[in-house]
Amino acid sequence: MLEKDIEKRLGEQLVRLGCLYYKFVSPGQRGVPDRIVVCPDGTVVFVELKRPGGHLATLQSVQQARLRRRGQRVEEIWTVREAAAFVDRVARLHCGPVKRE
């Protein structure tokens, strides 16, 4: 599955949970995570999506470390299974009762 397919599916599921799901574009700051997720309880998570077999660029690792040193949550998602696990964690920890389809 392509990264864009994982990204789309992840976004659809998070929005159903009541999260905000933003594309993160930061002019002049290359390597920032792909997405920002704002959960219903106010928790913010920066998400880097990669396709299986892809690689994390050095600058991406640097940007993730900068965010983590400032107390921010950063997640890497490489597979559909990891995306599903992330959605389950968000639902369990940061949302109220979840309505499943």
PDB file of N, CA and C in Angstrom:
ATOM      1  N   MET A   1       0.851  -1.182   0.000  1.00  0.00           N
ATOM      2  CA  MET A   1       0.000   0.000   0.000  1.00  0.00           C
ATOM      3  C   MET A   1       0.893   1.240   0.000  1.00  0.00           C
ATOM      4  N   LEU A   2       0.498   2.249  -0.733  1.00  0.00           N
ATOM      5  CA  LEU A   2       1.268   3.484  -0.829  1.00  0.00           C
ATOM      6  C   LEU A   2       1.062   4.366   0.401  1.00  0.00           C
ATOM      7  N   GLU A   3       2.045   5.227   0.650  1.00  0.00           N
ATOM      8  CA  GLU A   3       1.971   6.144   1.783  1.00  0.00           C
ATOM      9  C   GLU A   3       0.709   7.002   1.715  1.00  0.00           C
ATOM     10  N   LYS A   4       0.376   7.497   0.528  1.00  0.00           N
ATOM     11  CA  LYS A   4      -0.804   8.363   0.407  1.00  0.00           C
ATOM     12  C   LYS A   4      -2.092   7.609   0.742  1.00  0.00           C
ATOM     13  N   ASP A   5      -2.132   6.300   0.467  1.00  0.00           N
ATOM     14  CA  ASP A   5      -3.309   5.500   0.796  1.00  0.00           C
ATOM     15  C   ASP A   5      -3.438   5.313   2.310  1.00  0.00           C
ATOM     16  N   ILE A   6      -2.308   5.059   2.964  1.00  0.00           N
ATOM     17  CA  ILE A   6      -2.309   4.935   4.428  1.00  0.00           C
ATOM     18  C   ILE A   6      -2.734   6.265   5.040  1.00  0.00           C
ATOM     19  N   GLU A   7      -2.189   7.368   4.508  1.00  0.00           N
ATOM     20  CA  GLU A   7      -2.490   8.701   5.014  1.00  0.00           C
ATOM     21  C   GLU A   7      -3.984   9.014   4.888  1.00  0.00           C
ATOM     22  N   LYS A   8      -4.577   8.682   3.759  1.00  0.00           N
ATOM     23  CA  LYS A   8      -6.000   8.948   3.537  1.00  0.00           C
ATOM     24  C   LYS A   8      -6.862   8.128   4.495  1.00  0.00           C
ATOM     25  N   ARG A   9      -6.573   6.846   4.595  1.00  0.00           N
ATOM     26  CA  ARG A   9      -7.350   5.969   5.479  1.00  0.00           C
ATOM     27  C   ARG A   9      -7.227   6.419   6.936  1.00  0.00           C
ATOM     28  N   LEU A  10      -6.012   6.752   7.351  1.00  0.00           N
ATOM     29  CA  LEU A  10      -5.778   7.223   8.712  1.00  0.00           C
ATOM     30  C   LEU A  10      -6.609   8.473   8.991  1.00  0.00           C
ATOM     31  N   GLY A  11      -6.563   9.425   8.056  1.00  0.00           N
ATOM     32  CA  GLY A  11      -7.316  10.666   8.234  1.00  0.00           C
ATOM     33  C   GLY A  11      -8.807  10.435   8.362  1.00  0.00           C
ATOM     34  N   GLU A  12      -9.352   9.582   7.512  1.00  0.00           N
ATOM     35  CA  GLU A  12     -10.792   9.290   7.566  1.00  0.00           C
ATOM     36  C   GLU A  12     -11.187   8.734   8.920  1.00  0.00           C
ATOM     37  N   GLN A  13     -10.375   7.821   9.440  1.00  0.00           N
ATOM     38  CA  GLN A  13     -10.696   7.193  10.727  1.00  0.00           C
ATOM     39  C   GLN A  13     -10.567   8.191  11.880  1.00  0.00           C
ATOM     40  N   LEU A  14      -9.540   9.026  11.839  1.00  0.00           N
ATOM     41  CA  LEU A  14      -9.345   9.998  12.919  1.00  0.00           C
ATOM     42  C   LEU A  14     -10.436  11.065  12.917  1.00  0.00           C
ATOM     43  N   VAL A  15     -10.830  11.516  11.747  1.00  0.00           N
ATOM     44  CA  VAL A  15     -11.897  12.511  11.659  1.00  0.00           C
ATOM     45  C   VAL A  15     -13.206  11.937  12.205  1.00  0.00           C
ATOM     46  N   ARG A  16     -13.480  10.654  11.932  1.00  0.00           N
ATOM     47  CA  ARG A  16     -14.680  10.004  12.487  1.00  0.00           C
ATOM     48  C   ARG A  16     -14.655  10.000  14.013  1.00  0.00           C
ATOM     49  N   LEU A  17     -13.453   9.979  14.592  1.00  0.00           N
ATOM     50  CA  LEU A  17     -13.328  10.007  16.059  1.00  0.00           C
ATOM     51  C   LEU A  17     -13.487  11.412  16.627  1.00  0.00           C
ATOM     52  N   GLY A  18     -13.545  12.406  15.746  1.00  0.00           N
ATOM     53  CA  GLY A  18     -13.663  13.784  16.210  1.00  0.00           C
ATOM     54  C   GLY A  18     -12.347  14.530  16.271  1.00  0.00           C
ATOM     55  N   CYS A  19     -11.285  13.943  15.707  1.00  0.00           N
ATOM     56  CA  CYS A  19      -9.980  14.599  15.683  1.00  0.00           C
ATOM     57  C   CYS A  19      -9.918  15.591  14.527  1.00  0.00           C
ATOM     58  N   LEU A  20      -9.036  16.562  14.674  1.00  0.00           N
ATOM     59  CA  LEU A  20      -8.646  17.422  13.569  1.00  0.00           C
ATOM     60  C   LEU A  20      -7.410  16.783  12.963  1.00  0.00           C
ATOM     61  N   TYR A  21      -7.318  16.777  11.643  1.00  0.00           N
ATOM     62  CA  TYR A  21      -6.240  16.072  10.939  1.00  0.00           C
ATOM     63  C   TYR A  21      -5.699  17.022   9.886  1.00  0.00           C
ATOM     64  N   TYR A  22      -4.567  17.646  10.187  1.00  0.00           N
ATOM     65  CA  TYR A  22      -4.004  18.678   9.329  1.00  0.00           C
ATOM     66  C   TYR A  22      -2.748  18.213   8.622  1.00  0.00           C
ATOM     67  N   LYS A  23      -2.620  18.627   7.383  1.00  0.00           N
ATOM     68  CA  LYS A  23      -1.358  18.468   6.654  1.00  0.00           C
ATOM     69  C   LYS A  23      -0.419  19.530   7.215  1.00  0.00           C
ATOM     70  N   PHE A  24       0.783  19.126   7.600  1.00  0.00           N
ATOM     71  CA  PHE A  24       1.751  20.046   8.188  1.00  0.00           C
ATOM     72  C   PHE A  24       2.729  20.473   7.107  1.00  0.00           C
ATOM     73  N   VAL A  25       2.647  21.755   6.746  1.00  0.00           N
ATOM     74  CA  VAL A  25       3.578  22.343   5.788  1.00  0.00           C
ATOM     75  C   VAL A  25       4.205  23.533   6.487  1.00  0.00           C
ATOM     76  N   SER A  26       5.512  23.555   6.544  1.00  0.00           N
ATOM     77  CA  SER A  26       6.210  24.627   7.239  1.00  0.00           C
ATOM     78  C   SER A  26       7.292  25.200   6.320  1.00  0.00           C
ATOM     79  N   PRO A  27       6.962  26.242   5.563  1.00  0.00           N
ATOM     80  CA  PRO A  27       7.948  26.819   4.649  1.00  0.00           C
ATOM     81  C   PRO A  27       9.246  27.178   5.374  1.00  0.00           C
ATOM     82  N   GLY A  28      10.351  26.798   4.778  1.00  0.00           N
ATOM     83  CA  GLY A  28      11.656  27.084   5.370  1.00  0.00           C
ATOM     84  C   GLY A  28      12.107  26.059   6.394  1.00  0.00           C
ATOM     85  N   GLN A  29      11.251  25.090   6.715  1.00  0.00           N
ATOM     86  CA  GLN A  29      11.595  24.057   7.701  1.00  0.00           C
ATOM     87  C   GLN A  29      11.345  22.691   7.074  1.00  0.00           C
ATOM     88  N   ARG A  30      12.307  22.198   6.357  1.00  0.00           N
ATOM     89  CA  ARG A  30      12.164  20.886   5.735  1.00  0.00           C
ATOM     90  C   ARG A  30      12.244  19.783   6.790  1.00  0.00           C
ATOM     91  N   GLY A  31      11.618  18.659   6.483  1.00  0.00           N
ATOM     92  CA  GLY A  31      11.715  17.493   7.350  1.00  0.00           C
ATOM     93  C   GLY A  31      10.702  17.428   8.468  1.00  0.00           C
ATOM     94  N   VAL A  32       9.754  18.381   8.509  1.00  0.00           N
ATOM     95  CA  VAL A  32       8.746  18.332   9.572  1.00  0.00           C
ATOM     96  C   VAL A  32       7.803  17.146   9.319  1.00  0.00           C
ATOM     97  N   PRO A  33       7.163  16.634  10.372  1.00  0.00           N
ATOM     98  CA  PRO A  33       6.240  15.512  10.180  1.00  0.00           C
ATOM     99  C   PRO A  33       5.123  15.860   9.192  1.00  0.00           C
ATOM    100  N   ASP A  34       4.523  14.817   8.609  1.00  0.00           N
ATOM    101  CA  ASP A  34       3.501  14.994   7.578  1.00  0.00           C
ATOM    102  C   ASP A  34       2.198  15.587   8.091  1.00  0.00           C
ATOM    103  N   ARG A  35       1.776  15.160   9.259  1.00  0.00           N
ATOM    104  CA  ARG A  35       0.454  15.509   9.762  1.00  0.00           C
ATOM    105  C   ARG A  35       0.487  15.943  11.219  1.00  0.00           C
ATOM    106  N   ILE A  36      -0.505  16.768  11.568  1.00  0.00           N
ATOM    107  CA  ILE A  36      -0.758  17.131  12.961  1.00  0.00           C
ATOM    108  C   ILE A  36      -2.153  16.623  13.291  1.00  0.00           C
ATOM    109  N   VAL A  37      -2.253  15.865  14.371  1.00  0.00           N
ATOM    110  CA  VAL A  37      -3.532  15.348  14.843  1.00  0.00           C
ATOM    111  C   VAL A  37      -3.857  16.052  16.157  1.00  0.00           C
ATOM    112  N   VAL A  38      -5.030  16.683  16.196  1.00  0.00           N
ATOM    113  CA  VAL A  38      -5.506  17.314  17.426  1.00  0.00           C
ATOM    114  C   VAL A  38      -6.701  16.497  17.896  1.00  0.00           C
ATOM    115  N   CYS A  39      -6.522  15.862  19.044  1.00  0.00           N
ATOM    116  CA  CYS A  39      -7.542  14.957  19.578  1.00  0.00           C
ATOM    117  C   CYS A  39      -8.635  15.742  20.305  1.00  0.00           C
ATOM    118  N   PRO A  40      -9.805  15.129  20.487  1.00  0.00           N
ATOM    119  CA  PRO A  40     -10.897  15.809  21.176  1.00  0.00           C
ATOM    120  C   PRO A  40     -10.542  16.314  22.579  1.00  0.00           C
ATOM    121  N   ASP A  41      -9.612  15.638  23.254  1.00  0.00           N
ATOM    122  CA  ASP A  41      -9.224  16.082  24.601  1.00  0.00           C
ATOM    123  C   ASP A  41      -8.121  17.138  24.578  1.00  0.00           C
ATOM    124  N   GLY A  42      -7.706  17.578  23.383  1.00  0.00           N
ATOM    125  CA  GLY A  42      -6.681  18.609  23.265  1.00  0.00           C
ATOM    126  C   GLY A  42      -5.273  18.090  23.048  1.00  0.00           C
ATOM    127  N   THR A  43      -5.079  16.797  23.147  1.00  0.00           N
ATOM    128  CA  THR A  43      -3.763  16.214  22.893  1.00  0.00           C
ATOM    129  C   THR A  43      -3.381  16.439  21.435  1.00  0.00           C
ATOM    130  N   VAL A  44      -2.126  16.818  21.214  1.00  0.00           N
ATOM    131  CA  VAL A  44      -1.603  17.038  19.867  1.00  0.00           C
ATOM    132  C   VAL A  44      -0.533  15.988  19.584  1.00  0.00           C
ATOM    133  N   VAL A  45      -0.620  15.381  18.406  1.00  0.00           N
ATOM    134  CA  VAL A  45       0.352  14.377  17.995  1.00  0.00           C
ATOM    135  C   VAL A  45       0.829  14.721  16.587  1.00  0.00           C
ATOM    136  N   PHE A  46       2.143  14.788  16.419  1.00  0.00           N
ATOM    137  CA  PHE A  46       2.741  14.963  15.099  1.00  0.00           C
ATOM    138  C   PHE A  46       2.975  13.574  14.528  1.00  0.00           C
ATOM    139  N   VAL A  47       2.583  13.363  13.262  1.00  0.00           N
ATOM    140  CA  VAL A  47       2.651  12.039  12.661  1.00  0.00           C
ATOM    141  C   VAL A  47       3.468  12.078  11.375  1.00  0.00           C
ATOM    142  N   GLU A  48       4.459  11.205  11.307  1.00  0.00           N
ATOM    143  CA  GLU A  48       5.247  10.995  10.089  1.00  0.00           C
ATOM    144  C   GLU A  48       4.788   9.682   9.477  1.00  0.00           C
ATOM    145  N   LEU A  49       4.359   9.749   8.234  1.00  0.00           N
ATOM    146  CA  LEU A  49       3.910   8.547   7.526  1.00  0.00           C
ATOM    147  C   LEU A  49       4.956   8.131   6.512  1.00  0.00           C
ATOM    148  N   LYS A  50       5.207   6.829   6.478  1.00  0.00           N
ATOM    149  CA  LYS A  50       6.148   6.253   5.518  1.00  0.00           C
ATOM    150  C   LYS A  50       5.556   4.974   4.962  1.00  0.00           C
ATOM    151  N   ARG A  51       5.892   4.688   3.738  1.00  0.00           N
ATOM    152  CA  ARG A  51       5.429   3.427   3.166  1.00  0.00           C
ATOM    153  C   ARG A  51       6.338   2.311   3.676  1.00  0.00           C
ATOM    154  N   PRO A  52       5.823   1.101   3.746  1.00  0.00           N
ATOM    155  CA  PRO A  52       6.676  -0.022   4.145  1.00  0.00           C
ATOM    156  C   PRO A  52       7.882  -0.104   3.203  1.00  0.00           C
ATOM    157  N   GLY A  53       9.054  -0.263   3.766  1.00  0.00           N
ATOM    158  CA  GLY A  53      10.272  -0.331   2.973  1.00  0.00           C
ATOM    159  C   GLY A  53      10.892   1.026   2.708  1.00  0.00           C
ATOM    160  N   GLY A  54      10.203   2.095   3.094  1.00  0.00           N
ATOM    161  CA  GLY A  54      10.750   3.441   2.917  1.00  0.00           C
ATOM    162  C   GLY A  54      11.825   3.713   3.954  1.00  0.00           C
ATOM    163  N   HIS A  55      12.292   4.943   4.006  1.00  0.00           N
ATOM    164  CA  HIS A  55      13.291   5.293   5.013  1.00  0.00           C
ATOM    165  C   HIS A  55      13.039   6.698   5.524  1.00  0.00           C
ATOM    166  N   LEU A  56      13.485   6.951   6.729  1.00  0.00           N
ATOM    167  CA  LEU A  56      13.377   8.250   7.363  1.00  0.00           C
ATOM    168  C   LEU A  56      14.640   9.040   7.040  1.00  0.00           C
ATOM    169  N   ALA A  57      14.478  10.216   6.458  1.00  0.00           N
ATOM    170  CA  ALA A  57      15.629  11.059   6.136  1.00  0.00           C
ATOM    171  C   ALA A  57      16.244  11.601   7.431  1.00  0.00           C
ATOM    172  N   THR A  58      17.524  11.888   7.380  1.00  0.00           N
ATOM    173  CA  THR A  58      18.228  12.412   8.548  1.00  0.00           C
ATOM    174  C   THR A  58      17.555  13.673   9.072  1.00  0.00           C
ATOM    175  N   LEU A  59      17.168  14.573   8.174  1.00  0.00           N
ATOM    176  CA  LEU A  59      16.522  15.814   8.597  1.00  0.00           C
ATOM    177  C   LEU A  59      15.178  15.545   9.286  1.00  0.00           C
ATOM    178  N   GLN A  60      14.481  14.508   8.861  1.00  0.00           N
ATOM    179  CA  GLN A  60      13.229  14.149   9.530  1.00  0.00           C
ATOM    180  C   GLN A  60      13.497  13.688  10.960  1.00  0.00           C
ATOM    181  N   SER A  61      14.554  12.911  11.147  1.00  0.00           N
ATOM    182  CA  SER A  61      14.923  12.471  12.502  1.00  0.00           C
ATOM    183  C   SER A  61      15.281  13.670  13.378  1.00  0.00           C
ATOM    184  N   VAL A  62      15.993  14.625  12.814  1.00  0.00           N
ATOM    185  CA  VAL A  62      16.378  15.835  13.549  1.00  0.00           C
ATOM    186  C   VAL A  62      15.134  16.616  13.968  1.00  0.00           C
ATOM    187  N   GLN A  63      14.200  16.800  13.049  1.00  0.00           N
ATOM    188  CA  GLN A  63      12.979  17.550  13.370  1.00  0.00           C
ATOM    189  C   GLN A  63      12.154  16.827  14.430  1.00  0.00           C
ATOM    190  N   GLN A  64      12.074  15.505  14.338  1.00  0.00           N
ATOM    191  CA  GLN A  64      11.339  14.746  15.354  1.00  0.00           C
ATOM    192  C   GLN A  64      11.984  14.920  16.729  1.00  0.00           C
ATOM    193  N   ALA A  65      13.299  14.860  16.772  1.00  0.00           N
ATOM    194  CA  ALA A  65      14.014  15.025  18.048  1.00  0.00           C
ATOM    195  C   ALA A  65      13.762  16.416  18.624  1.00  0.00           C
ATOM    196  N   ARG A  66      13.740  17.434  17.787  1.00  0.00           N
ATOM    197  CA  ARG A  66      13.452  18.800  18.263  1.00  0.00           C
ATOM    198  C   ARG A  66      12.079  18.883  18.900  1.00  0.00           C
ATOM    199  N   LEU A  67      11.094  18.285  18.261  1.00  0.00           N
ATOM    200  CA  LEU A  67       9.741  18.302  18.815  1.00  0.00           C
ATOM    201  C   LEU A  67       9.675  17.535  20.133  1.00  0.00           C
ATOM    202  N   ARG A  68      10.292  16.368  20.164  1.00  0.00           N
ATOM    203  CA  ARG A  68      10.263  15.554  21.398  1.00  0.00           C
ATOM    204  C   ARG A  68      10.963  16.254  22.559  1.00  0.00           C
ATOM    205  N   ARG A  69      12.066  16.947  22.286  1.00  0.00           N
ATOM    206  CA  ARG A  69      12.766  17.675  23.360  1.00  0.00           C
ATOM    207  C   ARG A  69      11.896  18.780  23.947  1.00  0.00           C
ATOM    208  N   ARG A  70      10.903  19.201  23.198  1.00  0.00           N
ATOM    209  CA  ARG A  70       9.980  20.232  23.675  1.00  0.00           C
ATOM    210  C   ARG A  70       8.683  19.631  24.212  1.00  0.00           C
ATOM    211  N   GLY A  71       8.716  18.339  24.469  1.00  0.00           N
ATOM    212  CA  GLY A  71       7.587  17.672  25.105  1.00  0.00           C
ATOM    213  C   GLY A  71       6.463  17.273  24.167  1.00  0.00           C
ATOM    214  N   GLN A  72       6.698  17.298  22.868  1.00  0.00           N
ATOM    215  CA  GLN A  72       5.653  16.943  21.914  1.00  0.00           C
ATOM    216  C   GLN A  72       5.672  15.455  21.589  1.00  0.00           C
ATOM    217  N   ARG A  73       4.502  14.917  21.320  1.00  0.00           N
ATOM    218  CA  ARG A  73       4.392  13.518  20.886  1.00  0.00           C
ATOM    219  C   ARG A  73       4.610  13.455  19.388  1.00  0.00           C
ATOM    220  N   VAL A  74       5.459  12.540  18.962  1.00  0.00           N
ATOM    221  CA  VAL A  74       5.712  12.302  17.543  1.00  0.00           C
ATOM    222  C   VAL A  74       5.591  10.803  17.302  1.00  0.00           C
ATOM    223  N   GLU A  75       4.799  10.432  16.319  1.00  0.00           N
ATOM    224  CA  GLU A  75       4.602   9.022  15.978  1.00  0.00           C
ATOM    225  C   GLU A  75       5.041   8.800  14.536  1.00  0.00           C
ATOM    226  N   GLU A  76       5.630   7.652  14.284  1.00  0.00           N
ATOM    227  CA  GLU A  76       5.931   7.215  12.923  1.00  0.00           C
ATOM    228  C   GLU A  76       4.988   6.069  12.598  1.00  0.00           C
ATOM    229  N   ILE A  77       4.371   6.132  11.429  1.00  0.00           N
ATOM    230  CA  ILE A  77       3.465   5.076  10.988  1.00  0.00           C
ATOM    231  C   ILE A  77       3.965   4.570   9.650  1.00  0.00           C
ATOM    232  N   TRP A  78       4.250   3.272   9.591  1.00  0.00           N
ATOM    233  CA  TRP A  78       4.843   2.647   8.405  1.00  0.00           C
ATOM    234  C   TRP A  78       3.899   1.694   7.690  1.00  0.00           C
ATOM    235  N   THR A  79       2.868   1.208   8.370  1.00  0.00           N
ATOM    236  CA  THR A  79       2.005   0.183   7.781  1.00  0.00           C
ATOM    237  C   THR A  79       0.547   0.468   8.125  1.00  0.00           C
ATOM    238  N   VAL A  80      -0.342  -0.213   7.423  1.00  0.00           N
ATOM    239  CA  VAL A  80      -1.769  -0.122   7.722  1.00  0.00           C
ATOM    240  C   VAL A  80      -2.035  -0.626   9.136  1.00  0.00           C
ATOM    241  N   ARG A  81      -1.344  -1.666   9.534  1.00  0.00           N
ATOM    242  CA  ARG A  81      -1.515  -2.214  10.895  1.00  0.00           C
ATOM    243  C   ARG A  81      -1.114  -1.177  11.952  1.00  0.00           C
ATOM    244  N   GLU A  82       0.000  -0.499  11.747  1.00  0.00           N
ATOM    245  CA  GLU A  82       0.421   0.545  12.689  1.00  0.00           C
ATOM    246  C   GLU A  82      -0.578   1.699  12.709  1.00  0.00           C
ATOM    247  N   ALA A  83      -1.130   2.043  11.554  1.00  0.00           N
ATOM    248  CA  ALA A  83      -2.136   3.104  11.489  1.00  0.00           C
ATOM    249  C   ALA A  83      -3.370   2.709  12.300  1.00  0.00           C
ATOM    250  N   ALA A  84      -3.820   1.468  12.151  1.00  0.00           N
ATOM    251  CA  ALA A  84      -4.983   0.987  12.905  1.00  0.00           C
ATOM    252  C   ALA A  84      -4.713   1.000  14.402  1.00  0.00           C
ATOM    253  N   ALA A  85      -3.517   0.602  14.797  1.00  0.00           N
ATOM    254  CA  ALA A  85      -3.148   0.614  16.223  1.00  0.00           C
ATOM    255  C   ALA A  85      -3.123   2.042  16.763  1.00  0.00           C
ATOM    256  N   PHE A  86      -2.633   2.981  15.964  1.00  0.00           N
ATOM    257  CA  PHE A  86      -2.610   4.387  16.373  1.00  0.00           C
ATOM    258  C   PHE A  86      -4.042   4.891  16.574  1.00  0.00           C
ATOM    259  N   VAL A  87      -4.929   4.606  15.634  1.00  0.00           N
ATOM    260  CA  VAL A  87      -6.332   5.034  15.751  1.00  0.00           C
ATOM    261  C   VAL A  87      -6.951   4.432  17.009  1.00  0.00           C
ATOM    262  N   ASP A  88      -6.682   3.170  17.288  1.00  0.00           N
ATOM    263  CA  ASP A  88      -7.217   2.534  18.494  1.00  0.00           C
ATOM    264  C   ASP A  88      -6.705   3.217  19.762  1.00  0.00           C
ATOM    265  N   ARG A  89      -5.403   3.556  19.786  1.00  0.00           N
ATOM    266  CA  ARG A  89      -4.836   4.254  20.960  1.00  0.00           C
ATOM    267  C   ARG A  89      -5.482   5.620  21.139  1.00  0.00           C
ATOM    268  N   VAL A  90      -5.624   6.351  20.049  1.00  0.00           N
ATOM    269  CA  VAL A  90      -6.253   7.675  20.125  1.00  0.00           C
ATOM    270  C   VAL A  90      -7.680   7.537  20.639  1.00  0.00           C
ATOM    271  N   ALA A  91      -8.420   6.584  20.098  1.00  0.00           N
ATOM    272  CA  ALA A  91      -9.803   6.384  20.534  1.00  0.00           C
ATOM    273  C   ALA A  91      -9.879   6.053  22.020  1.00  0.00           C
ATOM    274  N   ARG A  92      -9.008   5.181  22.466  1.00  0.00           N
ATOM    275  CA  ARG A  92      -9.024   4.715  23.860  1.00  0.00           C
ATOM    276  C   ARG A  92      -8.568   5.793  24.840  1.00  0.00           C
ATOM    277  N   LEU A  93      -7.522   6.536  24.463  1.00  0.00           N
ATOM    278  CA  LEU A  93      -6.902   7.457  25.410  1.00  0.00           C
ATOM    279  C   LEU A  93      -7.350   8.903  25.301  1.00  0.00           C
ATOM    280  N   HIS A  94      -7.827   9.309  24.128  1.00  0.00           N
ATOM    281  CA  HIS A  94      -8.041  10.742  23.910  1.00  0.00           C
ATOM    282  C   HIS A  94      -9.417  11.119  23.396  1.00  0.00           C
ATOM    283  N   CYS A  95     -10.316  10.151  23.311  1.00  0.00           N
ATOM    284  CA  CYS A  95     -11.683  10.423  22.837  1.00  0.00           C
ATOM    285  C   CYS A  95     -12.674   9.882  23.840  1.00  0.00           C
ATOM    286  N   GLY A  96     -13.866  10.378  23.771  1.00  0.00           N
ATOM    287  CA  GLY A  96     -14.929   9.837  24.601  1.00  0.00           C
ATOM    288  C   GLY A  96     -15.378   8.507  24.031  1.00  0.00           C
ATOM    289  N   PRO A  97     -16.566   8.075  24.367  1.00  0.00           N
ATOM    290  CA  PRO A  97     -17.084   6.821  23.791  1.00  0.00           C
ATOM    291  C   PRO A  97     -17.049   6.882  22.267  1.00  0.00           C
ATOM    292  N   VAL A  98     -16.575   5.815  21.666  1.00  0.00           N
ATOM    293  CA  VAL A  98     -16.384   5.777  20.220  1.00  0.00           C
ATOM    294  C   VAL A  98     -17.548   5.064  19.557  1.00  0.00           C
ATOM    295  N   LYS A  99     -18.072   5.663  18.492  1.00  0.00           N
ATOM    296  CA  LYS A  99     -19.114   5.028  17.695  1.00  0.00           C
ATOM    297  C   LYS A  99     -18.459   4.355  16.520  1.00  0.00           C
ATOM    298  N   ARG A 100     -18.440   3.040  16.507  1.00  0.00           N
ATOM    299  CA  ARG A 100     -17.830   2.259  15.424  1.00  0.00           C
ATOM    300  C   ARG A 100     -18.872   1.969  14.358  1.00  0.00           C
ATOM    301  N   GLU A 101     -18.424   1.923  13.124  1.00  0.00           N
ATOM    302  CA  GLU A 101     -19.337   1.573  12.019  1.00  0.00           C
ATOM    303  C   GLU A 101     -19.482   0.088  11.909  1.00  0.00           C
TER     304      GLU A 101
END
